[in-house]
Each structure stands twice: as C-alpha cells, then as structure tokens.
Amino acid sequence: AYYLRAHAYKLSRQYQQAIVDFNSVIKLEPNHVDAYVNRGLLYMLTGERPKAEKDWKKASRLNPKYAELFP
C-alpha cells in the first residue's frame, strides 16, 4: 500500500510525501530495489543529489541490472 501511494504522490508532484512512503516501504522491505530507485529519483527532483546517488548505488548492489544505469 505504501508503494502504490508513494507513486500516486509522485505523479501528483507531492515529492516529500512520496519520499515518506518510500521510506516506509524500505523499512518494511529493506531489499525493495524499486523503492530505492524511485526514492533516488525523488531526491534528485528535490535537489538532494548525494542521497539520490546513495539510493541508486544501493539499488545497483541489490540488483546488478541497475549497475549499468547507476555505476
């Protein structure tokens, strides 16, 4: 439910609320790759590049298919 609501917030440009929900997803499922990817995107959109890069690196470690996208 958090994941779906986070996407709804993202689509409506309520980025901070989306980040909160992605945080909840990650807390419940620490290996949820898509949550890290999406939260990273939101961090970039809100000007928090270091946090975005950290999330994308975590996604790359969890799923090597992301390694090409986020080296």
PDB file of N, CA and C in Angstrom:
ATOM      1  N   ALA A   1       0.829  -1.199   0.000  1.00  0.00           N
ATOM      2  CA  ALA A   1       0.000   0.000   0.000  1.00  0.00           C
ATOM      3  C   ALA A   1       0.873   1.264   0.000  1.00  0.00           C
ATOM      4  N   TYR A   2       1.955   1.247   0.790  1.00  0.00           N
ATOM      5  CA  TYR A   2       2.839   2.416   0.820  1.00  0.00           C
ATOM      6  C   TYR A   2       3.449   2.678  -0.553  1.00  0.00           C
ATOM      7  N   TYR A   3       3.819   1.587  -1.207  1.00  0.00           N
ATOM      8  CA  TYR A   3       4.467   1.711  -2.523  1.00  0.00           C
ATOM      9  C   TYR A   3       3.515   2.349  -3.530  1.00  0.00           C
ATOM     10  N   LEU A   4       2.294   1.890  -3.564  1.00  0.00           N
ATOM     11  CA  LEU A   4       1.316   2.446  -4.506  1.00  0.00           C
ATOM     12  C   LEU A   4       0.988   3.895  -4.181  1.00  0.00           C
ATOM     13  N   ARG A   5       0.840   4.195  -2.902  1.00  0.00           N
ATOM     14  CA  ARG A   5       0.544   5.575  -2.514  1.00  0.00           C
ATOM     15  C   ARG A   5       1.733   6.484  -2.834  1.00  0.00           C
ATOM     16  N   ALA A   6       2.941   5.978  -2.647  1.00  0.00           N
ATOM     17  CA  ALA A   6       4.124   6.780  -2.982  1.00  0.00           C
ATOM     18  C   ALA A   6       4.112   7.155  -4.458  1.00  0.00           C
ATOM     19  N   HIS A   7       3.734   6.224  -5.310  1.00  0.00           N
ATOM     20  CA  HIS A   7       3.649   6.526  -6.741  1.00  0.00           C
ATOM     21  C   HIS A   7       2.563   7.566  -7.020  1.00  0.00           C
ATOM     22  N   ALA A   8       1.460   7.470  -6.329  1.00  0.00           N
ATOM     23  CA  ALA A   8       0.390   8.454  -6.515  1.00  0.00           C
ATOM     24  C   ALA A   8       0.884   9.840  -6.106  1.00  0.00           C
ATOM     25  N   TYR A   9       1.585   9.905  -4.993  1.00  0.00           N
ATOM     26  CA  TYR A   9       2.163  11.186  -4.571  1.00  0.00           C
ATOM     27  C   TYR A   9       3.173  11.699  -5.597  1.00  0.00           C
ATOM     28  N   LYS A  10       3.989  10.793  -6.100  1.00  0.00           N
ATOM     29  CA  LYS A  10       4.996  11.193  -7.096  1.00  0.00           C
ATOM     30  C   LYS A  10       4.324  11.778  -8.330  1.00  0.00           C
ATOM     31  N   LEU A  11       3.284  11.118  -8.812  1.00  0.00           N
ATOM     32  CA  LEU A  11       2.584  11.595 -10.005  1.00  0.00           C
ATOM     33  C   LEU A  11       1.912  12.944  -9.788  1.00  0.00           C
ATOM     34  N   SER A  12       1.506  13.202  -8.549  1.00  0.00           N
ATOM     35  CA  SER A  12       0.864  14.488  -8.255  1.00  0.00           C
ATOM     36  C   SER A  12       1.868  15.528  -7.758  1.00  0.00           C
ATOM     37  N   ARG A  13       3.150  15.191  -7.904  1.00  0.00           N
ATOM     38  CA  ARG A  13       4.265  16.075  -7.550  1.00  0.00           C
ATOM     39  C   ARG A  13       4.312  16.454  -6.064  1.00  0.00           C
ATOM     40  N   GLN A  14       3.828  15.561  -5.239  1.00  0.00           N
ATOM     41  CA  GLN A  14       3.929  15.718  -3.791  1.00  0.00           C
ATOM     42  C   GLN A  14       5.133  14.890  -3.334  1.00  0.00           C
ATOM     43  N   TYR A  15       6.299  15.397  -3.694  1.00  0.00           N
ATOM     44  CA  TYR A  15       7.520  14.617  -3.566  1.00  0.00           C
ATOM     45  C   TYR A  15       7.882  14.258  -2.128  1.00  0.00           C
ATOM     46  N   GLN A  16       7.719  15.169  -1.213  1.00  0.00           N
ATOM     47  CA  GLN A  16       8.083  14.865   0.177  1.00  0.00           C
ATOM     48  C   GLN A  16       7.209  13.761   0.753  1.00  0.00           C
ATOM     49  N   GLN A  17       5.920  13.790   0.434  1.00  0.00           N
ATOM     50  CA  GLN A  17       5.030  12.728   0.906  1.00  0.00           C
ATOM     51  C   GLN A  17       5.410  11.386   0.273  1.00  0.00           C
ATOM     52  N   ALA A  18       5.791  11.431  -0.993  1.00  0.00           N
ATOM     53  CA  ALA A  18       6.222  10.204  -1.673  1.00  0.00           C
ATOM     54  C   ALA A  18       7.481   9.644  -1.018  1.00  0.00           C
ATOM     55  N   ILE A  19       8.417  10.506  -0.687  1.00  0.00           N
ATOM     56  CA  ILE A  19       9.649  10.059  -0.021  1.00  0.00           C
ATOM     57  C   ILE A  19       9.317   9.387   1.311  1.00  0.00           C
ATOM     58  N   VAL A  20       8.400   9.977   2.064  1.00  0.00           N
ATOM     59  CA  VAL A  20       7.998   9.381   3.344  1.00  0.00           C
ATOM     60  C   VAL A  20       7.456   7.968   3.128  1.00  0.00           C
ATOM     61  N   ASP A  21       6.613   7.803   2.111  1.00  0.00           N
ATOM     62  CA  ASP A  21       6.064   6.474   1.850  1.00  0.00           C
ATOM     63  C   ASP A  21       7.129   5.499   1.348  1.00  0.00           C
ATOM     64  N   PHE A  22       8.038   5.952   0.495  1.00  0.00           N
ATOM     65  CA  PHE A  22       9.126   5.063   0.072  1.00  0.00           C
ATOM     66  C   PHE A  22      10.013   4.694   1.259  1.00  0.00           C
ATOM     67  N   ASN A  23      10.195   5.613   2.193  1.00  0.00           N
ATOM     68  CA  ASN A  23      10.928   5.284   3.421  1.00  0.00           C
ATOM     69  C   ASN A  23      10.241   4.141   4.158  1.00  0.00           C
ATOM     70  N   SER A  24       8.914   4.193   4.219  1.00  0.00           N
ATOM     71  CA  SER A  24       8.152   3.134   4.894  1.00  0.00           C
ATOM     72  C   SER A  24       8.311   1.801   4.176  1.00  0.00           C
ATOM     73  N   VAL A  25       8.281   1.838   2.853  1.00  0.00           N
ATOM     74  CA  VAL A  25       8.471   0.610   2.078  1.00  0.00           C
ATOM     75  C   VAL A  25       9.835   0.012   2.397  1.00  0.00           C
ATOM     76  N   ILE A  26      10.858   0.832   2.387  1.00  0.00           N
ATOM     77  CA  ILE A  26      12.225   0.354   2.629  1.00  0.00           C
ATOM     78  C   ILE A  26      12.379  -0.165   4.052  1.00  0.00           C
ATOM     79  N   LYS A  27      11.711   0.483   4.994  1.00  0.00           N
ATOM     80  CA  LYS A  27      11.779  -0.002   6.376  1.00  0.00           C
ATOM     81  C   LYS A  27      11.156  -1.398   6.486  1.00  0.00           C
ATOM     82  N   LEU A  28      10.040  -1.613   5.784  1.00  0.00           N
ATOM     83  CA  LEU A  28       9.359  -2.906   5.827  1.00  0.00           C
ATOM     84  C   LEU A  28      10.046  -3.959   4.954  1.00  0.00           C
ATOM     85  N   GLU A  29      10.613  -3.513   3.828  1.00  0.00           N
ATOM     86  CA  GLU A  29      11.281  -4.421   2.885  1.00  0.00           C
ATOM     87  C   GLU A  29      12.626  -3.815   2.480  1.00  0.00           C
ATOM     88  N   PRO A  30      13.656  -4.028   3.288  1.00  0.00           N
ATOM     89  CA  PRO A  30      14.954  -3.387   3.050  1.00  0.00           C
ATOM     90  C   PRO A  30      15.605  -3.715   1.705  1.00  0.00           C
ATOM     91  N   ASN A  31      15.132  -4.744   1.018  1.00  0.00           N
ATOM     92  CA  ASN A  31      15.711  -5.111  -0.275  1.00  0.00           C
ATOM     93  C   ASN A  31      14.795  -4.772  -1.444  1.00  0.00           C
ATOM     94  N   HIS A  32      13.881  -3.856  -1.251  1.00  0.00           N
ATOM     95  CA  HIS A  32      12.925  -3.457  -2.296  1.00  0.00           C
ATOM     96  C   HIS A  32      13.630  -2.505  -3.267  1.00  0.00           C
ATOM     97  N   VAL A  33      14.185  -3.065  -4.315  1.00  0.00           N
ATOM     98  CA  VAL A  33      15.019  -2.314  -5.260  1.00  0.00           C
ATOM     99  C   VAL A  33      14.278  -1.124  -5.855  1.00  0.00           C
ATOM    100  N   ASP A  34      13.062  -1.335  -6.304  1.00  0.00           N
ATOM    101  CA  ASP A  34      12.322  -0.252  -6.962  1.00  0.00           C
ATOM    102  C   ASP A  34      12.051   0.918  -6.022  1.00  0.00           C
ATOM    103  N   ALA A  35      11.912   0.650  -4.752  1.00  0.00           N
ATOM    104  CA  ALA A  35      11.718   1.737  -3.789  1.00  0.00           C
ATOM    105  C   ALA A  35      12.968   2.616  -3.727  1.00  0.00           C
ATOM    106  N   TYR A  36      14.140   1.987  -3.759  1.00  0.00           N
ATOM    107  CA  TYR A  36      15.385   2.770  -3.755  1.00  0.00           C
ATOM    108  C   TYR A  36      15.527   3.586  -5.039  1.00  0.00           C
ATOM    109  N   VAL A  37      15.206   2.984  -6.162  1.00  0.00           N
ATOM    110  CA  VAL A  37      15.314   3.690  -7.445  1.00  0.00           C
ATOM    111  C   VAL A  37      14.386   4.897  -7.466  1.00  0.00           C
ATOM    112  N   ASN A  38      13.149   4.687  -7.073  1.00  0.00           N
ATOM    113  CA  ASN A  38      12.181   5.780  -7.097  1.00  0.00           C
ATOM    114  C   ASN A  38      12.481   6.854  -6.072  1.00  0.00           C
ATOM    115  N   ARG A  39      12.899   6.446  -4.877  1.00  0.00           N
ATOM    116  CA  ARG A  39      13.255   7.449  -3.875  1.00  0.00           C
ATOM    117  C   ARG A  39      14.460   8.252  -4.353  1.00  0.00           C
ATOM    118  N   GLY A  40      15.390   7.587  -5.018  1.00  0.00           N
ATOM    119  CA  GLY A  40      16.535   8.300  -5.577  1.00  0.00           C
ATOM    120  C   GLY A  40      16.105   9.343  -6.591  1.00  0.00           C
ATOM    121  N   LEU A  41      15.164   8.988  -7.442  1.00  0.00           N
ATOM    122  CA  LEU A  41      14.636   9.950  -8.407  1.00  0.00           C
ATOM    123  C   LEU A  41      14.023  11.148  -7.696  1.00  0.00           C
ATOM    124  N   LEU A  42      13.257  10.887  -6.659  1.00  0.00           N
ATOM    125  CA  LEU A  42      12.634  11.987  -5.915  1.00  0.00           C
ATOM    126  C   LEU A  42      13.679  12.855  -5.232  1.00  0.00           C
ATOM    127  N   TYR A  43      14.717  12.233  -4.711  1.00  0.00           N
ATOM    128  CA  TYR A  43      15.800  13.029  -4.117  1.00  0.00           C
ATOM    129  C   TYR A  43      16.442  13.942  -5.163  1.00  0.00           C
ATOM    130  N   MET A  44      16.631  13.430  -6.369  1.00  0.00           N
ATOM    131  CA  MET A  44      17.188  14.284  -7.433  1.00  0.00           C
ATOM    132  C   MET A  44      16.243  15.446  -7.737  1.00  0.00           C
ATOM    133  N   LEU A  45      14.970  15.159  -7.813  1.00  0.00           N
ATOM    134  CA  LEU A  45      13.986  16.199  -8.121  1.00  0.00           C
ATOM    135  C   LEU A  45      13.900  17.262  -7.031  1.00  0.00           C
ATOM    136  N   THR A  46      14.257  16.887  -5.810  1.00  0.00           N
ATOM    137  CA  THR A  46      14.210  17.848  -4.702  1.00  0.00           C
ATOM    138  C   THR A  46      15.590  18.421  -4.377  1.00  0.00           C
ATOM    139  N   GLY A  47      16.565  18.165  -5.254  1.00  0.00           N
ATOM    140  CA  GLY A  47      17.883  18.769  -5.100  1.00  0.00           C
ATOM    141  C   GLY A  47      18.796  18.084  -4.100  1.00  0.00           C
ATOM    142  N   GLU A  48      18.520  16.832  -3.784  1.00  0.00           N
ATOM    143  CA  GLU A  48      19.336  16.104  -2.811  1.00  0.00           C
ATOM    144  C   GLU A  48      20.149  15.021  -3.513  1.00  0.00           C
ATOM    145  N   ARG A  49      21.052  15.463  -4.373  1.00  0.00           N
ATOM    146  CA  ARG A  49      21.831  14.550  -5.207  1.00  0.00           C
ATOM    147  C   ARG A  49      22.611  13.488  -4.420  1.00  0.00           C
ATOM    148  N   PRO A  50      23.302  13.830  -3.323  1.00  0.00           N
ATOM    149  CA  PRO A  50      24.044  12.777  -2.601  1.00  0.00           C
ATOM    150  C   PRO A  50      23.138  11.641  -2.110  1.00  0.00           C
ATOM    151  N   LYS A  51      21.944  11.985  -1.647  1.00  0.00           N
ATOM    152  CA  LYS A  51      21.005  10.950  -1.207  1.00  0.00           C
ATOM    153  C   LYS A  51      20.538  10.115  -2.394  1.00  0.00           C
ATOM    154  N   ALA A  52      20.322  10.761  -3.519  1.00  0.00           N
ATOM    155  CA  ALA A  52      19.906  10.044  -4.726  1.00  0.00           C
ATOM    156  C   ALA A  52      20.983   9.039  -5.134  1.00  0.00           C
ATOM    157  N   GLU A  53      22.213   9.485  -5.176  1.00  0.00           N
ATOM    158  CA  GLU A  53      23.306   8.603  -5.573  1.00  0.00           C
ATOM    159  C   GLU A  53      23.453   7.424  -4.614  1.00  0.00           C
ATOM    160  N   LYS A  54      23.258   7.684  -3.330  1.00  0.00           N
ATOM    161  CA  LYS A  54      23.341   6.610  -2.332  1.00  0.00           C
ATOM    162  C   LYS A  54      22.252   5.563  -2.588  1.00  0.00           C
ATOM    163  N   ASP A  55      21.025   6.027  -2.857  1.00  0.00           N
ATOM    164  CA  ASP A  55      19.940   5.090  -3.137  1.00  0.00           C
ATOM    165  C   ASP A  55      20.205   4.297  -4.407  1.00  0.00           C
ATOM    166  N   TRP A  56      20.693   4.946  -5.439  1.00  0.00           N
ATOM    167  CA  TRP A  56      20.942   4.261  -6.697  1.00  0.00           C
ATOM    168  C   TRP A  56      22.073   3.253  -6.577  1.00  0.00           C
ATOM    169  N   LYS A  57      23.072   3.559  -5.773  1.00  0.00           N
ATOM    170  CA  LYS A  57      24.147   2.590  -5.540  1.00  0.00           C
ATOM    171  C   LYS A  57      23.621   1.375  -4.784  1.00  0.00           C
ATOM    172  N   LYS A  58      22.727   1.624  -3.829  1.00  0.00           N
ATOM    173  CA  LYS A  58      22.117   0.514  -3.087  1.00  0.00           C
ATOM    174  C   LYS A  58      21.305  -0.357  -4.046  1.00  0.00           C
ATOM    175  N   ALA A  59      20.543   0.270  -4.930  1.00  0.00           N
ATOM    176  CA  ALA A  59      19.758  -0.481  -5.920  1.00  0.00           C
ATOM    177  C   ALA A  59      20.675  -1.319  -6.802  1.00  0.00           C
ATOM    178  N   SER A  60      21.807  -0.765  -7.198  1.00  0.00           N
ATOM    179  CA  SER A  60      22.773  -1.491  -8.036  1.00  0.00           C
ATOM    180  C   SER A  60      23.349  -2.699  -7.317  1.00  0.00           C
ATOM    181  N   ARG A  61      23.582  -2.553  -6.013  1.00  0.00           N
ATOM    182  CA  ARG A  61      24.106  -3.694  -5.243  1.00  0.00           C
ATOM    183  C   ARG A  61      23.042  -4.786  -5.096  1.00  0.00           C
ATOM    184  N   LEU A  62      21.785  -4.378  -4.923  1.00  0.00           N
ATOM    185  CA  LEU A  62      20.711  -5.348  -4.741  1.00  0.00           C
ATOM    186  C   LEU A  62      20.349  -6.068  -6.036  1.00  0.00           C
ATOM    187  N   ASN A  63      20.461  -5.356  -7.148  1.00  0.00           N
ATOM    188  CA  ASN A  63      20.123  -5.953  -8.439  1.00  0.00           C
ATOM    189  C   ASN A  63      21.118  -5.463  -9.483  1.00  0.00           C
ATOM    190  N   PRO A  64      22.006  -6.337  -9.921  1.00  0.00           N
ATOM    191  CA  PRO A  64      23.058  -5.944 -10.860  1.00  0.00           C
ATOM    192  C   PRO A  64      22.554  -5.342 -12.173  1.00  0.00           C
ATOM    193  N   LYS A  65      21.294  -5.563 -12.543  1.00  0.00           N
ATOM    194  CA  LYS A  65      20.788  -4.967 -13.785  1.00  0.00           C
ATOM    195  C   LYS A  65      20.803  -3.447 -13.715  1.00  0.00           C
ATOM    196  N   TYR A  66      20.798  -2.897 -12.511  1.00  0.00           N
ATOM    197  CA  TYR A  66      20.845  -1.445 -12.357  1.00  0.00           C
ATOM    198  C   TYR A  66      22.268  -0.900 -12.379  1.00  0.00           C
ATOM    199  N   ALA A  67      23.249  -1.775 -12.343  1.00  0.00           N
ATOM    200  CA  ALA A  67      24.646  -1.325 -12.289  1.00  0.00           C
ATOM    201  C   ALA A  67      25.018  -0.492 -13.520  1.00  0.00           C
ATOM    202  N   GLU A  68      24.451  -0.830 -14.668  1.00  0.00           N
ATOM    203  CA  GLU A  68      24.743  -0.052 -15.886  1.00  0.00           C
ATOM    204  C   GLU A  68      24.106   1.322 -15.839  1.00  0.00           C
ATOM    205  N   LEU A  69      22.953   1.416 -15.214  1.00  0.00           N
ATOM    206  CA  LEU A  69      22.255   2.696 -15.119  1.00  0.00           C
ATOM    207  C   LEU A  69      22.864   3.602 -14.064  1.00  0.00           C
ATOM    208  N   PHE A  70      23.287   2.989 -12.956  1.00  0.00           N
ATOM    209  CA  PHE A  70      23.814   3.749 -11.826  1.00  0.00           C
ATOM    210  C   PHE A  70      25.184   3.224 -11.441  1.00  0.00           C
ATOM    211  N   PRO A  71      26.214   3.525 -12.247  1.00  0.00           N
ATOM    212  CA  PRO A  71      27.561   2.979 -11.957  1.00  0.00           C
ATOM    213  C   PRO A  71      28.180   3.564 -10.704  1.00  0.00           C
TER     214      PRO A  71
END
